[in-house]
Amino acid sequence: MKFGKVEQPELIDFSIPKDHPDTEVILSKHSGDQIFKVHVGCAKWNRQDLKNFYPRGTKNELEYYSSQFNSVELNATFYRMFSL
């Protein structure tokens, strides 16, 4: 067996799972007269994690990343909570 190889791909269930109950609650709060905004991004933006995402020769990964996505996860609270 090769890692990742599927012997019978026709048996894989590719159906989308049901939405979490909170999804309907959140979406129902949106008023139909406003534009619904969705922010999309990746959990990381550095070169190792997004191999082949950046064009060859890209010097500023964050600048290029921000031209493709409207959200960046910083995960700053992983290290400690902010203090004022």
N, C-alpha and C. Protein backbone atom coordinates (compact mmCIF):
# COMPACT_ATOMS: atom_id res chain seq x y z
N MET A 1 0.84 -1.18 0.00
CA MET A 1 0.00 0.00 0.00
C MET A 1 0.89 1.24 0.00
N LYS A 2 0.62 2.16 -0.91
CA LYS A 2 1.33 3.43 -0.95
C LYS A 2 0.58 4.44 -0.10
N PHE A 3 1.34 5.24 0.67
CA PHE A 3 0.72 6.24 1.53
C PHE A 3 -0.14 7.18 0.70
N GLY A 4 -1.39 7.34 1.08
CA GLY A 4 -2.31 8.25 0.40
C GLY A 4 -3.04 7.64 -0.77
N LYS A 5 -2.64 6.46 -1.22
CA LYS A 5 -3.31 5.84 -2.36
C LYS A 5 -4.58 5.17 -1.88
N VAL A 6 -5.64 5.36 -2.64
CA VAL A 6 -6.93 4.76 -2.30
C VAL A 6 -7.18 3.63 -3.28
N GLU A 7 -7.42 2.45 -2.74
CA GLU A 7 -7.62 1.27 -3.60
C GLU A 7 -8.94 1.34 -4.37
N GLN A 8 -9.99 1.84 -3.73
CA GLN A 8 -11.31 1.91 -4.38
C GLN A 8 -11.89 3.32 -4.22
N PRO A 9 -11.45 4.27 -5.04
CA PRO A 9 -11.91 5.65 -4.89
C PRO A 9 -13.42 5.81 -5.09
N GLU A 10 -14.03 4.90 -5.80
CA GLU A 10 -15.48 4.99 -6.02
C GLU A 10 -16.27 4.78 -4.73
N LEU A 11 -15.63 4.26 -3.70
CA LEU A 11 -16.31 4.04 -2.42
C LEU A 11 -16.20 5.23 -1.46
N ILE A 12 -15.46 6.25 -1.86
CA ILE A 12 -15.30 7.42 -0.99
C ILE A 12 -16.57 8.27 -1.02
N ASP A 13 -17.03 8.67 0.15
CA ASP A 13 -18.21 9.53 0.26
C ASP A 13 -17.75 10.98 0.26
N PHE A 14 -17.96 11.68 -0.85
CA PHE A 14 -17.55 13.07 -0.98
C PHE A 14 -18.68 14.04 -0.66
N SER A 15 -19.75 13.56 -0.05
CA SER A 15 -20.86 14.45 0.27
C SER A 15 -20.44 15.45 1.35
N ILE A 16 -21.03 16.62 1.28
CA ILE A 16 -20.72 17.68 2.24
C ILE A 16 -21.52 17.42 3.51
N PRO A 17 -20.88 17.50 4.68
CA PRO A 17 -21.61 17.25 5.93
C PRO A 17 -22.63 18.36 6.20
N LYS A 18 -23.59 18.07 7.07
CA LYS A 18 -24.59 19.07 7.44
C LYS A 18 -23.91 20.23 8.15
N ASP A 19 -24.50 21.42 8.00
CA ASP A 19 -23.98 22.59 8.69
C ASP A 19 -24.14 22.44 10.20
N HIS A 20 -23.22 23.04 10.92
CA HIS A 20 -23.33 23.10 12.38
C HIS A 20 -24.56 23.94 12.71
N PRO A 21 -25.32 23.61 13.75
CA PRO A 21 -26.52 24.38 14.10
C PRO A 21 -26.25 25.88 14.30
N ASP A 22 -25.06 26.23 14.76
CA ASP A 22 -24.74 27.65 14.96
C ASP A 22 -24.64 28.42 13.65
N THR A 23 -24.40 27.74 12.55
CA THR A 23 -24.30 28.41 11.26
C THR A 23 -25.59 29.13 10.93
N GLU A 24 -26.71 28.47 11.10
CA GLU A 24 -28.01 29.09 10.82
C GLU A 24 -28.28 30.25 11.76
N VAL A 25 -27.89 30.10 13.02
CA VAL A 25 -28.08 31.18 14.00
C VAL A 25 -27.31 32.43 13.57
N ILE A 26 -26.05 32.26 13.21
CA ILE A 26 -25.22 33.39 12.80
C ILE A 26 -25.75 34.03 11.52
N LEU A 27 -26.07 33.21 10.52
CA LEU A 27 -26.53 33.74 9.25
C LEU A 27 -27.89 34.42 9.36
N SER A 28 -28.73 33.97 10.29
CA SER A 28 -30.05 34.59 10.45
C SER A 28 -29.95 36.00 11.02
N LYS A 29 -28.83 36.35 11.61
CA LYS A 29 -28.64 37.70 12.16
C LYS A 29 -28.30 38.71 11.07
N HIS A 30 -28.00 38.23 9.89
CA HIS A 30 -27.63 39.13 8.79
C HIS A 30 -28.88 39.71 8.16
N SER A 31 -28.89 41.02 8.03
CA SER A 31 -30.01 41.70 7.40
C SER A 31 -29.83 41.63 5.88
N GLY A 32 -30.89 41.35 5.17
CA GLY A 32 -30.82 41.18 3.72
C GLY A 32 -30.48 42.45 2.96
N ASP A 33 -30.58 43.63 3.60
CA ASP A 33 -30.30 44.88 2.89
C ASP A 33 -28.83 45.29 2.98
N GLN A 34 -28.01 44.47 3.63
CA GLN A 34 -26.58 44.75 3.75
C GLN A 34 -25.79 43.72 2.94
N ILE A 35 -24.61 44.13 2.52
CA ILE A 35 -23.72 43.20 1.82
C ILE A 35 -23.14 42.23 2.85
N PHE A 36 -23.22 40.95 2.55
CA PHE A 36 -22.67 39.93 3.44
C PHE A 36 -21.19 39.77 3.14
N LYS A 37 -20.34 40.07 4.11
CA LYS A 37 -18.90 40.02 3.90
C LYS A 37 -18.33 38.72 4.48
N VAL A 38 -17.47 38.10 3.71
CA VAL A 38 -16.77 36.90 4.16
C VAL A 38 -15.28 37.18 4.08
N HIS A 39 -14.57 36.89 5.15
CA HIS A 39 -13.12 37.09 5.18
C HIS A 39 -12.44 35.73 5.06
N VAL A 40 -11.57 35.60 4.07
CA VAL A 40 -10.93 34.33 3.78
C VAL A 40 -9.42 34.49 3.86
N GLY A 41 -8.78 33.52 4.50
CA GLY A 41 -7.33 33.54 4.59
C GLY A 41 -6.82 32.17 5.00
N CYS A 42 -5.52 32.05 5.08
CA CYS A 42 -4.90 30.80 5.50
C CYS A 42 -4.40 30.93 6.94
N ALA A 43 -4.19 29.80 7.57
CA ALA A 43 -3.72 29.82 8.95
C ALA A 43 -2.29 30.34 9.04
N LYS A 44 -1.54 30.24 7.99
CA LYS A 44 -0.15 30.71 7.98
C LYS A 44 0.12 31.35 6.63
N TRP A 45 1.14 32.19 6.57
CA TRP A 45 1.43 32.86 5.30
C TRP A 45 2.89 32.78 4.89
N ASN A 46 3.72 32.08 5.65
CA ASN A 46 5.13 32.07 5.26
C ASN A 46 5.41 31.06 4.14
N ARG A 47 6.55 31.17 3.55
CA ARG A 47 6.90 30.40 2.35
C ARG A 47 6.86 28.88 2.57
N GLN A 48 7.31 28.39 3.71
CA GLN A 48 7.35 26.94 3.93
C GLN A 48 5.94 26.33 3.92
N ASP A 49 5.00 27.02 4.56
CA ASP A 49 3.66 26.46 4.67
C ASP A 49 2.85 26.57 3.39
N LEU A 50 3.14 27.55 2.56
CA LEU A 50 2.40 27.73 1.31
C LEU A 50 3.32 27.49 0.11
N LYS A 51 3.96 26.36 0.14
CA LYS A 51 4.89 25.99 -0.92
C LYS A 51 4.19 26.08 -2.28
N ASN A 52 4.83 26.69 -3.24
CA ASN A 52 4.34 26.88 -4.61
C ASN A 52 3.19 27.88 -4.71
N PHE A 53 2.84 28.56 -3.63
CA PHE A 53 1.80 29.59 -3.68
C PHE A 53 2.37 30.90 -4.22
N TYR A 54 3.56 31.25 -3.77
CA TYR A 54 4.18 32.51 -4.16
C TYR A 54 4.92 32.37 -5.48
N PRO A 55 4.77 33.36 -6.37
CA PRO A 55 5.53 33.31 -7.62
C PRO A 55 7.03 33.34 -7.33
N ARG A 56 7.78 32.69 -8.16
CA ARG A 56 9.24 32.66 -7.99
C ARG A 56 9.77 34.10 -7.98
N GLY A 57 10.65 34.37 -7.03
CA GLY A 57 11.25 35.70 -6.92
C GLY A 57 10.50 36.65 -6.00
N THR A 58 9.40 36.21 -5.41
CA THR A 58 8.65 37.08 -4.49
C THR A 58 9.53 37.41 -3.30
N LYS A 59 9.71 38.72 -3.04
CA LYS A 59 10.57 39.14 -1.94
C LYS A 59 9.77 39.39 -0.66
N ASN A 60 8.54 39.84 -0.80
CA ASN A 60 7.72 40.16 0.37
C ASN A 60 6.49 39.26 0.36
N GLU A 61 6.56 38.15 1.08
CA GLU A 61 5.47 37.17 1.08
C GLU A 61 4.17 37.76 1.62
N LEU A 62 4.25 38.54 2.70
CA LEU A 62 3.04 39.09 3.29
C LEU A 62 2.35 40.07 2.34
N GLU A 63 3.11 40.85 1.63
CA GLU A 63 2.52 41.79 0.66
C GLU A 63 1.79 41.03 -0.44
N TYR A 64 2.41 39.98 -0.97
CA TYR A 64 1.75 39.19 -2.02
C TYR A 64 0.52 38.48 -1.46
N TYR A 65 0.67 37.87 -0.28
CA TYR A 65 -0.44 37.16 0.36
C TYR A 65 -1.64 38.09 0.51
N SER A 66 -1.39 39.31 1.00
CA SER A 66 -2.49 40.25 1.24
C SER A 66 -3.14 40.73 -0.05
N SER A 67 -2.47 40.55 -1.18
CA SER A 67 -3.10 40.90 -2.46
C SER A 67 -4.03 39.80 -2.94
N GLN A 68 -3.94 38.62 -2.34
CA GLN A 68 -4.76 37.48 -2.74
C GLN A 68 -5.89 37.18 -1.75
N PHE A 69 -5.68 37.48 -0.46
CA PHE A 69 -6.64 37.19 0.59
C PHE A 69 -6.96 38.46 1.36
N ASN A 70 -8.13 38.49 2.02
CA ASN A 70 -8.50 39.67 2.80
C ASN A 70 -8.41 39.42 4.30
N SER A 71 -7.72 38.37 4.70
CA SER A 71 -7.61 38.05 6.12
C SER A 71 -6.29 37.31 6.36
N VAL A 72 -5.65 37.64 7.49
CA VAL A 72 -4.42 36.96 7.89
C VAL A 72 -4.58 36.54 9.34
N GLU A 73 -4.34 35.28 9.64
CA GLU A 73 -4.39 34.82 11.03
C GLU A 73 -3.04 35.08 11.67
N LEU A 74 -3.06 35.82 12.78
CA LEU A 74 -1.80 36.12 13.47
C LEU A 74 -1.54 35.16 14.60
N ASN A 75 -2.58 34.66 15.25
CA ASN A 75 -2.45 33.70 16.34
C ASN A 75 -1.53 34.21 17.45
N ALA A 76 -1.60 35.51 17.72
CA ALA A 76 -0.72 36.11 18.73
C ALA A 76 -1.02 35.62 20.13
N THR A 77 -2.26 35.23 20.41
CA THR A 77 -2.60 34.78 21.76
C THR A 77 -2.00 33.42 22.07
N PHE A 78 -1.43 32.75 21.08
CA PHE A 78 -0.75 31.48 21.33
C PHE A 78 0.40 31.69 22.31
N TYR A 79 1.05 32.83 22.18
CA TYR A 79 2.23 33.12 23.00
C TYR A 79 1.85 33.72 24.35
N ARG A 80 0.93 34.66 24.37
CA ARG A 80 0.40 35.22 25.62
C ARG A 80 -0.73 36.18 25.28
N MET A 81 -1.58 36.45 26.25
CA MET A 81 -2.67 37.39 26.05
C MET A 81 -2.09 38.81 26.05
N PHE A 82 -2.74 39.70 25.32
CA PHE A 82 -2.31 41.09 25.27
C PHE A 82 -2.52 41.76 26.62
N SER A 83 -1.65 42.68 26.95
CA SER A 83 -1.85 43.47 28.16
C SER A 83 -1.81 44.94 27.78
N LEU A 84 -2.57 45.75 28.49
CA LEU A 84 -2.63 47.18 28.18
C LEU A 84 -1.72 47.96 29.08
